[in-house]
Amino acid sequence: MEYGLVYYLCRRCHTEVENNESMKKQLKLFARAKFNTKYSPDLFLKEFGKDY
């Protein structure tokens, strides 16, 4: 929430994303790209500890 990386999904869509690894990865990549436009890639790794 702090970095604006929250996506509001209905229950059906949330369940679909949780059960679909490809969709889950796409959302993570989209969030990372959005984060990197406002902050640095180094901060992403520092805050989240993962490189999607």
N, C-alpha and C. Protein backbone atom coordinates (compact mmCIF):
# COMPACT_ATOMS: atom_id res chain seq x y z
N MET A 1 0.82 -1.19 0.00
CA MET A 1 0.00 0.00 0.00
C MET A 1 0.87 1.26 0.00
N GLU A 2 1.97 1.18 0.73
CA GLU A 2 2.84 2.34 0.86
C GLU A 2 3.32 2.87 -0.49
N TYR A 3 3.55 2.00 -1.44
CA TYR A 3 4.08 2.40 -2.74
C TYR A 3 3.03 2.43 -3.84
N GLY A 4 1.78 2.24 -3.50
CA GLY A 4 0.72 2.28 -4.49
C GLY A 4 0.63 1.04 -5.34
N LEU A 5 1.05 -0.09 -4.80
CA LEU A 5 1.06 -1.33 -5.57
C LEU A 5 -0.10 -2.25 -5.19
N VAL A 6 -1.24 -1.67 -4.89
CA VAL A 6 -2.42 -2.43 -4.50
C VAL A 6 -3.39 -2.44 -5.67
N TYR A 7 -3.87 -3.62 -6.00
CA TYR A 7 -4.85 -3.77 -7.06
C TYR A 7 -6.12 -4.33 -6.45
N TYR A 8 -7.21 -3.66 -6.67
CA TYR A 8 -8.49 -4.10 -6.13
C TYR A 8 -9.16 -5.02 -7.14
N LEU A 9 -9.42 -6.23 -6.70
CA LEU A 9 -10.04 -7.24 -7.56
C LEU A 9 -11.31 -7.77 -6.89
N CYS A 10 -12.28 -8.12 -7.69
CA CYS A 10 -13.45 -8.78 -7.14
C CYS A 10 -13.04 -10.17 -6.67
N ARG A 11 -13.86 -10.81 -5.89
CA ARG A 11 -13.54 -12.13 -5.33
C ARG A 11 -13.23 -13.15 -6.44
N ARG A 12 -14.01 -13.14 -7.49
CA ARG A 12 -13.81 -14.09 -8.59
C ARG A 12 -12.45 -13.88 -9.25
N CYS A 13 -12.11 -12.63 -9.54
CA CYS A 13 -10.83 -12.33 -10.19
C CYS A 13 -9.66 -12.62 -9.25
N HIS A 14 -9.83 -12.32 -7.97
CA HIS A 14 -8.78 -12.60 -7.00
C HIS A 14 -8.48 -14.09 -6.95
N THR A 15 -9.53 -14.89 -6.90
CA THR A 15 -9.36 -16.34 -6.87
C THR A 15 -8.70 -16.83 -8.15
N GLU A 16 -9.10 -16.26 -9.28
CA GLU A 16 -8.52 -16.67 -10.57
C GLU A 16 -7.02 -16.37 -10.60
N VAL A 17 -6.62 -15.19 -10.12
CA VAL A 17 -5.19 -14.83 -10.08
C VAL A 17 -4.44 -15.76 -9.13
N GLU A 18 -4.99 -16.02 -7.97
CA GLU A 18 -4.32 -16.88 -7.00
C GLU A 18 -4.11 -18.30 -7.51
N ASN A 19 -4.99 -18.75 -8.38
CA ASN A 19 -4.90 -20.11 -8.90
C ASN A 19 -4.20 -20.21 -10.25
N ASN A 20 -3.70 -19.09 -10.75
CA ASN A 20 -3.07 -19.07 -12.06
C ASN A 20 -1.68 -18.43 -11.94
N GLU A 21 -0.64 -19.23 -11.96
CA GLU A 21 0.73 -18.73 -11.77
C GLU A 21 1.13 -17.73 -12.84
N SER A 22 0.66 -17.92 -14.06
CA SER A 22 0.99 -16.99 -15.13
C SER A 22 0.41 -15.61 -14.86
N MET A 23 -0.85 -15.56 -14.45
CA MET A 23 -1.49 -14.28 -14.13
C MET A 23 -0.82 -13.62 -12.93
N LYS A 24 -0.48 -14.43 -11.94
CA LYS A 24 0.17 -13.91 -10.74
C LYS A 24 1.50 -13.26 -11.11
N LYS A 25 2.26 -13.93 -11.97
CA LYS A 25 3.54 -13.39 -12.39
C LYS A 25 3.36 -12.10 -13.20
N GLN A 26 2.35 -12.06 -14.06
CA GLN A 26 2.09 -10.86 -14.84
C GLN A 26 1.79 -9.67 -13.94
N LEU A 27 0.99 -9.86 -12.90
CA LEU A 27 0.68 -8.78 -11.98
C LEU A 27 1.93 -8.32 -11.24
N LYS A 28 2.78 -9.26 -10.84
CA LYS A 28 4.02 -8.91 -10.15
C LYS A 28 4.94 -8.11 -11.07
N LEU A 29 5.05 -8.52 -12.32
CA LEU A 29 5.88 -7.79 -13.27
C LEU A 29 5.34 -6.40 -13.54
N PHE A 30 4.03 -6.29 -13.64
CA PHE A 30 3.39 -4.99 -13.85
C PHE A 30 3.65 -4.07 -12.65
N ALA A 31 3.51 -4.62 -11.45
CA ALA A 31 3.76 -3.84 -10.23
C ALA A 31 5.21 -3.39 -10.18
N ARG A 32 6.12 -4.27 -10.53
CA ARG A 32 7.55 -3.93 -10.51
C ARG A 32 7.82 -2.80 -11.50
N ALA A 33 7.27 -2.89 -12.70
CA ALA A 33 7.47 -1.84 -13.71
C ALA A 33 6.90 -0.51 -13.22
N LYS A 34 5.74 -0.55 -12.61
CA LYS A 34 5.12 0.68 -12.08
C LYS A 34 6.00 1.27 -10.98
N PHE A 35 6.50 0.43 -10.10
CA PHE A 35 7.38 0.86 -9.02
C PHE A 35 8.63 1.52 -9.60
N ASN A 36 9.23 0.88 -10.60
CA ASN A 36 10.48 1.38 -11.17
C ASN A 36 10.33 2.71 -11.89
N THR A 37 9.12 3.06 -12.33
CA THR A 37 8.93 4.36 -12.97
C THR A 37 8.96 5.49 -11.95
N LYS A 38 8.64 5.17 -10.70
CA LYS A 38 8.60 6.20 -9.66
C LYS A 38 9.80 6.11 -8.71
N TYR A 39 10.30 4.91 -8.49
CA TYR A 39 11.40 4.68 -7.56
C TYR A 39 12.51 3.91 -8.29
N SER A 40 13.57 3.61 -7.60
CA SER A 40 14.69 2.92 -8.23
C SER A 40 14.55 1.40 -8.12
N PRO A 41 15.13 0.67 -9.08
CA PRO A 41 15.14 -0.80 -8.99
C PRO A 41 15.85 -1.29 -7.73
N ASP A 42 16.87 -0.57 -7.31
CA ASP A 42 17.59 -0.96 -6.09
C ASP A 42 16.68 -0.89 -4.87
N LEU A 43 15.81 0.12 -4.82
CA LEU A 43 14.87 0.23 -3.70
C LEU A 43 13.88 -0.93 -3.71
N PHE A 44 13.47 -1.35 -4.89
CA PHE A 44 12.56 -2.49 -4.99
C PHE A 44 13.18 -3.72 -4.34
N LEU A 45 14.42 -4.00 -4.71
CA LEU A 45 15.09 -5.17 -4.13
C LEU A 45 15.28 -5.02 -2.63
N LYS A 46 15.60 -3.82 -2.19
CA LYS A 46 15.78 -3.58 -0.75
C LYS A 46 14.47 -3.79 0.01
N GLU A 47 13.39 -3.27 -0.52
CA GLU A 47 12.08 -3.36 0.16
C GLU A 47 11.45 -4.73 0.08
N PHE A 48 11.52 -5.37 -1.07
CA PHE A 48 10.79 -6.62 -1.28
C PHE A 48 11.69 -7.86 -1.32
N GLY A 49 12.97 -7.66 -1.50
CA GLY A 49 13.91 -8.77 -1.45
C GLY A 49 13.78 -9.78 -2.58
N LYS A 50 13.04 -9.43 -3.62
CA LYS A 50 12.86 -10.33 -4.77
C LYS A 50 12.99 -9.55 -6.06
N ASP A 51 13.43 -10.24 -7.08
CA ASP A 51 13.54 -9.66 -8.41
C ASP A 51 12.62 -10.44 -9.35
N TYR A 52 11.45 -9.89 -9.61
CA TYR A 52 10.47 -10.59 -10.45
C TYR A 52 10.79 -10.43 -11.91
